[in-house]
């Protein structure tokens, strides 16, 4: 399934449809008499079809929200294993259903829908960012913030600010990166969530060439890192921020600071120790390792790491990993007899997009 900007636009417009199993489940909960199943077979999304149905009752909305809550955890794991290519369609489809619920219910059911909608919106923001669609990412980050504020979900407000800080990193704006992360930290709870926000501050300091501040933030983040995580966000916001994940981000910080030799050890550790469920993030670590090897004059090792990263980018649809891999490849020597470098350039030439 392609994952270029045209495809993402179709998903956002509701022209992609869900799995038959999901259609059957939603049809049953909404007592739609087979209408949603038929709509799915005809290529409609659940949200488009559901807007033609009667408004769900509070009891039906509660049942739907419980089902979507379970699905969210499964989709987080799908993203970690397979990337945005396989997770984004379902996330946007489920957001359509949540939109129907929000227009139909009041009081307790609406509050629950807002909180779940904010979670899905943040996931959509991340998936669009990883796919290279920053406009889509910013749209869903704003929607996440709106729903979290209305629901008085202070933890999700903090996590939304963290996501906005991540988006600012792509714009090379250290002041905004640090400012948004600092704002997120005010409502964060100690533990992995705080670790995620602190490492984001560290990235801002790295962009600002502030080595001591970067190292201090990374040290505080490591004190709050999770001991382990099954990869489905069941441990709460930022539960994926384990020591291995922090190794990966520490390596990236050293690259930003222009010290690739110091990046090699943490990036190598991340590649070796990231749990299997974080397959896509291992691709991020590999692309960083490729850049560190290239900057250290280790052309063959850099090319081999970049080839592995490229394989992950292709299979997951991660435009972010592809861009990082191309950047690492650009730092490798263009002349000489290094077979792995030639193989990498040939592979990249055959990869126009993911």
Protein backbone atom coordinates (compact mmCIF):
# COMPACT_ATOMS: atom_id res chain seq x y z
CA UNK A 1 0.00 0.00 0.00
CA UNK A 2 1.59 3.37 -0.99
CA UNK A 3 2.14 5.96 1.71
CA UNK A 4 2.89 9.13 -0.26
CA UNK A 5 1.17 12.47 0.30
CA UNK A 6 -1.61 11.61 -2.15
CA UNK A 7 -2.45 8.47 -0.26
CA UNK A 8 -2.44 10.31 3.08
CA UNK A 9 -4.80 12.91 1.65
CA UNK A 10 -7.21 10.17 0.62
CA UNK A 11 -7.09 8.69 4.11
CA UNK A 12 -7.75 12.06 5.71
CA UNK A 13 -10.64 12.62 3.28
CA UNK A 14 -12.19 9.29 4.24
CA UNK A 15 -11.73 7.39 0.99
CA UNK A 16 -9.99 4.39 2.55
CA UNK A 17 -12.04 1.72 4.30
CA UNK A 18 -11.49 -0.44 7.39
CA UNK A 19 -11.12 -4.19 7.76
CA UNK A 20 -14.23 -6.40 7.41
CA UNK A 21 -13.85 -7.45 11.05
CA UNK A 22 -13.98 -3.83 12.25
CA UNK A 23 -17.02 -3.10 10.09
CA UNK A 24 -18.89 -6.08 11.56
CA UNK A 25 -18.05 -5.00 15.11
CA UNK A 26 -19.17 -1.39 14.62
CA UNK A 27 -22.30 -2.46 12.78
CA UNK A 28 -23.26 -4.67 15.70
CA UNK A 29 -22.67 -1.99 18.35
CA UNK A 30 -24.57 0.70 16.42
CA UNK A 31 -27.37 -1.73 15.52
CA UNK A 32 -26.92 -0.63 11.91
CA UNK A 33 -28.56 -3.70 10.38
CA UNK A 34 -25.61 -4.47 8.11
CA UNK A 35 -25.26 -0.93 6.72
CA UNK A 36 -21.70 -0.48 7.94
CA UNK A 37 -20.65 -3.89 6.67
CA UNK A 38 -22.09 -3.08 3.27
CA UNK A 39 -20.43 0.35 3.29
CA UNK A 40 -17.07 -1.25 4.03
CA UNK A 41 -17.50 -3.65 1.14
CA UNK A 42 -18.28 -0.70 -1.10
CA UNK A 43 -15.11 1.10 -0.05
CA UNK A 44 -16.51 3.60 2.44
CA UNK A 45 -14.93 4.37 5.79
CA UNK A 46 -16.89 3.70 8.95
CA UNK A 47 -17.09 7.38 9.78
CA UNK A 48 -18.58 8.32 6.41
CA UNK A 49 -21.16 5.56 6.69
CA UNK A 50 -21.89 6.20 10.35
CA UNK A 51 -22.82 9.82 9.65
CA UNK A 52 -25.83 8.51 7.71
CA UNK A 53 -27.01 6.44 10.67
CA UNK A 54 -29.04 7.50 13.67
CA UNK A 55 -27.05 8.99 16.53
CA UNK A 56 -25.69 6.36 18.92
CA UNK A 57 -27.24 6.23 22.38
CA UNK A 58 -25.07 6.78 25.44
CA UNK A 59 -24.95 3.02 26.02
CA UNK A 60 -23.93 2.37 22.42
CA UNK A 61 -21.32 5.15 22.62
CA UNK A 62 -19.84 3.64 25.79
CA UNK A 63 -19.58 0.24 24.09
CA UNK A 64 -17.96 1.76 21.03
CA UNK A 65 -15.48 3.74 23.11
CA UNK A 66 -14.48 0.64 25.06
CA UNK A 67 -13.83 -1.18 21.81
CA UNK A 68 -11.86 1.74 20.37
CA UNK A 69 -9.80 1.97 23.56
CA UNK A 70 -8.71 -1.65 23.10
CA UNK A 71 -8.02 -1.01 19.42
CA UNK A 72 -5.81 1.98 20.25
CA UNK A 73 -3.37 -0.16 22.22
CA UNK A 74 -3.25 -2.65 19.35
CA UNK A 75 -2.59 0.14 16.85
CA UNK A 76 0.28 1.53 18.93
CA UNK A 77 1.91 -1.88 18.77
CA UNK A 78 1.21 -2.10 15.03
CA UNK A 79 2.98 1.23 14.54
CA UNK A 80 6.00 0.14 16.57
CA UNK A 81 6.33 -3.09 14.64
CA UNK A 82 5.28 -2.05 11.15
CA UNK A 83 5.23 1.74 10.96
CA UNK A 84 2.72 4.29 9.62
CA UNK A 85 1.98 2.37 6.44
CA UNK A 86 -0.07 -0.15 8.41
CA UNK A 87 -1.36 1.95 11.33
CA UNK A 88 -2.41 5.28 9.86
CA UNK A 89 -5.47 4.13 7.91
CA UNK A 90 -7.08 2.56 10.97
CA UNK A 91 -6.26 5.49 13.25
CA UNK A 92 -7.91 8.03 10.94
CA UNK A 93 -10.90 5.72 10.40
CA UNK A 94 -11.40 5.40 14.16
CA UNK A 95 -11.13 9.17 14.54
CA UNK A 96 -14.09 9.46 12.17
CA UNK A 97 -16.14 7.22 14.47
CA UNK A 98 -15.09 9.26 17.51
CA UNK A 99 -16.19 12.38 15.65
CA UNK A 100 -19.66 10.85 15.18
CA UNK A 101 -19.84 10.04 18.89
CA UNK A 102 -18.76 13.55 19.90
CA UNK A 103 -21.56 15.06 17.84
CA UNK A 104 -24.13 12.72 19.38
CA UNK A 105 -23.54 12.36 23.14
CA UNK A 106 -23.35 14.57 26.19
CA UNK A 107 -21.92 14.57 29.71
CA UNK A 108 -19.92 11.52 30.81
CA UNK A 109 -19.83 9.79 27.42
CA UNK A 110 -18.63 12.99 25.75
CA UNK A 111 -15.85 13.45 28.30
CA UNK A 112 -14.67 9.90 27.71
CA UNK A 113 -14.87 10.40 23.93
CA UNK A 114 -12.83 13.60 24.18
CA UNK A 115 -10.08 11.87 26.16
CA UNK A 116 -9.92 8.93 23.78
CA UNK A 117 -10.16 11.24 20.78
CA UNK A 118 -7.17 13.21 22.08
CA UNK A 119 -5.17 9.98 22.30
CA UNK A 120 -6.07 9.00 18.75
CA UNK A 121 -5.40 12.53 17.49
CA UNK A 122 -1.93 12.50 19.06
CA UNK A 123 -1.28 9.13 17.41
CA UNK A 124 -2.43 10.58 14.08
CA UNK A 125 -0.09 13.55 14.58
CA UNK A 126 2.84 11.20 15.17
CA UNK A 127 2.00 8.91 12.25
CA UNK A 128 1.70 11.84 9.85
CA UNK A 129 5.03 13.19 11.12
CA UNK A 130 6.73 9.84 10.59
CA UNK A 131 5.21 9.67 7.11
CA UNK A 132 6.68 13.05 6.21
CA UNK A 133 3.37 14.94 6.26
CA UNK A 134 4.09 17.80 8.68
CA UNK A 135 0.92 19.72 7.78
CA UNK A 136 -1.20 16.70 8.70
CA UNK A 137 0.84 16.24 11.86
CA UNK A 138 0.27 19.84 12.96
CA UNK A 139 -3.46 19.57 12.24
CA UNK A 140 -3.91 16.54 14.47
CA UNK A 141 -1.66 18.00 17.19
CA UNK A 142 -3.96 21.03 17.34
CA UNK A 143 -7.03 18.79 17.47
CA UNK A 144 -5.42 16.75 20.26
CA UNK A 145 -4.80 19.91 22.28
CA UNK A 146 -8.38 21.15 21.77
CA UNK A 147 -9.96 17.90 22.91
CA UNK A 148 -7.55 17.46 25.84
CA UNK A 149 -8.23 20.99 27.11
CA UNK A 150 -12.02 20.53 26.82
CA UNK A 151 -11.77 17.22 28.70
CA UNK A 152 -9.50 18.79 31.35
CA UNK A 153 -6.98 16.04 30.65
CA UNK A 154 -3.84 17.72 31.96
CA UNK A 155 -1.57 14.77 31.18
CA UNK A 156 -2.66 14.75 27.54
CA UNK A 157 -2.20 18.52 27.37
CA UNK A 158 1.38 17.97 28.51
CA UNK A 159 1.87 15.17 25.98
CA UNK A 160 0.43 17.35 23.23
CA UNK A 161 2.98 20.05 24.09
CA UNK A 162 5.67 17.37 23.90
CA UNK A 163 4.45 16.43 20.41
CA UNK A 164 4.51 20.09 19.37
CA UNK A 165 8.10 20.29 20.64
CA UNK A 166 9.00 17.28 18.47
CA UNK A 167 7.54 19.08 15.45
CA UNK A 168 9.61 22.16 16.26
CA UNK A 169 12.76 20.00 16.22
CA UNK A 170 12.18 19.35 12.52
CA UNK A 171 12.18 23.13 12.02
CA UNK A 172 15.58 23.54 13.74
CA UNK A 173 14.10 26.02 16.22
CA UNK A 174 15.88 25.34 19.54
CA UNK A 175 14.09 28.12 21.44
CA UNK A 176 10.67 26.72 20.58
CA UNK A 177 11.78 23.12 21.18
CA UNK A 178 12.99 23.97 24.69
CA UNK A 179 10.06 26.27 25.46
CA UNK A 180 7.38 23.75 24.50
CA UNK A 181 9.17 20.92 26.32
CA UNK A 182 9.52 23.07 29.44
CA UNK A 183 5.80 23.86 29.29
CA UNK A 184 5.01 20.16 28.95
CA UNK A 185 7.18 19.36 31.95
CA UNK A 186 4.99 21.50 34.26
CA UNK A 187 2.13 18.98 34.10
CA UNK A 188 4.13 15.79 33.56
CA UNK A 189 4.33 13.03 36.14
CA UNK A 190 7.67 11.55 37.25
CA UNK A 191 8.68 8.46 35.33
CA UNK A 192 8.81 7.66 31.61
CA UNK A 193 6.57 10.56 30.60
CA UNK A 194 8.97 13.00 32.24
CA UNK A 195 11.92 11.13 30.70
CA UNK A 196 10.46 11.69 27.21
CA UNK A 197 9.98 15.41 27.82
CA UNK A 198 13.43 15.85 29.35
CA UNK A 199 15.16 14.19 26.40
CA UNK A 200 13.17 16.50 24.14
CA UNK A 201 14.64 19.43 26.07
CA UNK A 202 18.04 17.82 25.55
CA UNK A 203 17.49 17.82 21.79
CA UNK A 204 16.65 21.52 21.95
CA UNK A 205 19.88 22.20 23.83
CA UNK A 206 21.79 20.11 21.28
CA UNK A 207 20.30 22.20 18.46
CA UNK A 208 21.43 25.26 20.42
CA UNK A 209 24.98 23.83 20.76
CA UNK A 210 24.61 23.87 24.56
CA UNK A 211 26.53 20.70 25.45
CA UNK A 212 26.41 20.95 29.25
CA UNK A 213 22.66 21.67 29.31
CA UNK A 214 22.05 18.78 26.90
CA UNK A 215 24.01 16.33 29.04
CA UNK A 216 22.22 17.50 32.20
CA UNK A 217 18.77 16.99 30.64
CA UNK A 218 19.77 13.54 29.36
CA UNK A 219 20.97 12.58 32.83
CA UNK A 220 17.65 13.60 34.39
CA UNK A 221 15.79 11.72 31.66
CA UNK A 222 17.73 8.54 32.38
CA UNK A 223 16.77 8.78 36.07
CA UNK A 224 13.11 8.62 34.99
CA UNK A 225 13.41 5.99 32.23
CA UNK A 226 11.11 2.99 32.15
CA UNK A 227 12.57 -0.40 33.03
CA UNK A 228 10.66 -2.13 30.24
CA UNK A 229 7.62 -1.76 27.98
CA UNK A 230 5.50 -4.16 25.88
CA UNK A 231 5.18 -1.58 23.11
CA UNK A 232 1.44 -0.86 23.37
CA UNK A 233 1.50 2.27 25.60
CA UNK A 234 -0.25 0.32 28.36
CA UNK A 235 2.17 1.91 30.83
CA UNK A 236 0.92 5.42 30.07
CA UNK A 237 2.33 8.38 28.17
CA UNK A 238 5.98 7.93 27.28
CA UNK A 239 6.15 4.34 28.51
CA UNK A 240 8.42 3.52 25.56
CA UNK A 241 11.20 5.69 27.01
CA UNK A 242 13.45 2.92 28.25
CA UNK A 243 17.22 3.06 28.64
CA UNK A 244 17.64 1.70 25.11
CA UNK A 245 15.40 4.40 23.69
CA UNK A 246 17.35 7.06 25.55
CA UNK A 247 20.60 5.62 24.15
CA UNK A 248 19.22 6.21 20.67
CA UNK A 249 18.26 9.80 21.44
CA UNK A 250 21.54 10.50 23.25
CA UNK A 251 23.40 9.38 20.14
CA UNK A 252 21.31 11.70 18.00
CA UNK A 253 22.08 14.57 20.38
CA UNK A 254 25.83 13.95 20.03
CA UNK A 255 25.40 14.04 16.25
CA UNK A 256 23.63 17.40 16.51
CA UNK A 257 26.48 18.62 18.69
CA UNK A 258 28.99 17.64 16.00
CA UNK A 259 30.63 14.87 18.05
CA UNK A 260 30.01 11.67 16.06
CA UNK A 261 32.65 9.68 17.97
CA UNK A 262 30.59 10.08 21.15
CA UNK A 263 27.43 9.08 19.26
CA UNK A 264 28.74 5.66 18.21
CA UNK A 265 28.54 3.88 21.57
CA UNK A 266 24.95 4.84 22.55
CA UNK A 267 23.62 4.30 19.02
CA UNK A 268 25.28 0.87 18.80
CA UNK A 269 23.80 -0.01 22.20
CA UNK A 270 20.34 1.07 21.03
CA UNK A 271 20.56 -1.06 17.86
CA UNK A 272 21.58 -4.06 19.96
CA UNK A 273 19.11 -3.67 22.83
CA UNK A 274 15.89 -2.10 21.49
CA UNK A 275 13.13 -4.70 22.01
CA UNK A 276 11.86 -6.53 18.93
CA UNK A 277 8.53 -4.68 19.14
CA UNK A 278 10.35 -1.43 18.32
CA UNK A 279 11.34 -2.51 14.84
CA UNK A 280 10.67 0.88 13.23
CA UNK A 281 12.66 2.72 15.91
CA UNK A 282 15.56 0.36 15.37
CA UNK A 283 15.57 1.80 11.85
CA UNK A 284 15.94 5.28 13.36
CA UNK A 285 18.87 4.08 15.47
CA UNK A 286 20.47 2.45 12.43
CA UNK A 287 20.20 5.64 10.36
CA UNK A 288 21.80 7.59 13.22
CA UNK A 289 24.55 4.98 13.50
CA UNK A 290 25.15 5.26 9.75
CA UNK A 291 25.56 9.02 10.11
CA UNK A 292 27.97 8.58 13.04
CA UNK A 293 30.10 6.07 11.11
CA UNK A 294 30.12 8.28 8.03
CA UNK A 295 31.20 11.33 10.01
CA UNK A 296 33.92 9.23 11.69
CA UNK A 297 35.37 8.09 8.35
CA UNK A 298 34.07 4.50 8.63
CA UNK A 299 32.55 4.29 5.15
CA UNK A 300 31.87 0.56 4.94
CA UNK A 301 30.25 0.31 8.36
CA UNK A 302 28.24 3.45 7.67
CA UNK A 303 26.95 2.10 4.37
CA UNK A 304 25.98 -1.24 5.92
CA UNK A 305 24.04 0.46 8.72
CA UNK A 306 22.36 2.74 6.17
CA UNK A 307 21.32 -0.25 4.05
CA UNK A 308 19.68 -1.84 7.09
CA UNK A 309 17.93 1.44 7.91
CA UNK A 310 16.74 1.76 4.31
CA UNK A 311 15.15 -1.68 4.52
CA UNK A 312 13.16 -0.57 7.56
CA UNK A 313 12.15 2.70 5.87
CA UNK A 314 10.85 0.86 2.82
CA UNK A 315 8.86 -1.73 4.73
CA UNK A 316 7.29 0.68 7.23
CA UNK A 317 6.62 3.68 5.01
CA UNK A 318 8.71 5.95 7.28
CA UNK A 319 9.69 9.02 5.28
CA UNK A 320 11.56 10.20 8.36
CA UNK A 321 13.93 7.21 8.33
CA UNK A 322 14.38 7.52 4.57
CA UNK A 323 15.37 11.19 4.92
CA UNK A 324 17.81 10.36 7.71
CA UNK A 325 19.31 7.55 5.64
CA UNK A 326 19.76 9.80 2.61
CA UNK A 327 21.46 12.37 4.83
CA UNK A 328 23.87 9.73 6.17
CA UNK A 329 24.59 8.49 2.64
CA UNK A 330 25.41 12.03 1.49
CA UNK A 331 28.27 12.10 4.01
CA UNK A 332 29.88 8.94 2.62
CA UNK A 333 32.73 9.22 0.07
CA UNK A 334 31.59 9.36 -3.54
CA UNK A 335 34.80 7.86 -4.86
CA UNK A 336 36.79 4.80 -3.93
CA UNK A 337 36.39 1.05 -3.85
CA UNK A 338 33.85 0.45 -1.08
CA UNK A 339 31.28 -2.08 -2.36
CA UNK A 340 28.78 -1.36 0.42
CA UNK A 341 28.72 2.34 -0.48
CA UNK A 342 28.06 1.54 -4.13
CA UNK A 343 25.29 -0.86 -3.12
CA UNK A 344 23.72 1.79 -0.90
CA UNK A 345 23.75 4.44 -3.61
CA UNK A 346 22.16 2.02 -6.06
CA UNK A 347 19.47 1.12 -3.52
CA UNK A 348 18.73 4.75 -2.78
CA UNK A 349 18.54 5.61 -6.48
CA UNK A 350 15.85 2.95 -6.84
CA UNK A 351 13.90 4.40 -3.88
CA UNK A 352 12.02 7.53 -4.91
CA UNK A 353 9.59 7.45 -1.98
CA UNK A 354 8.19 5.14 0.67
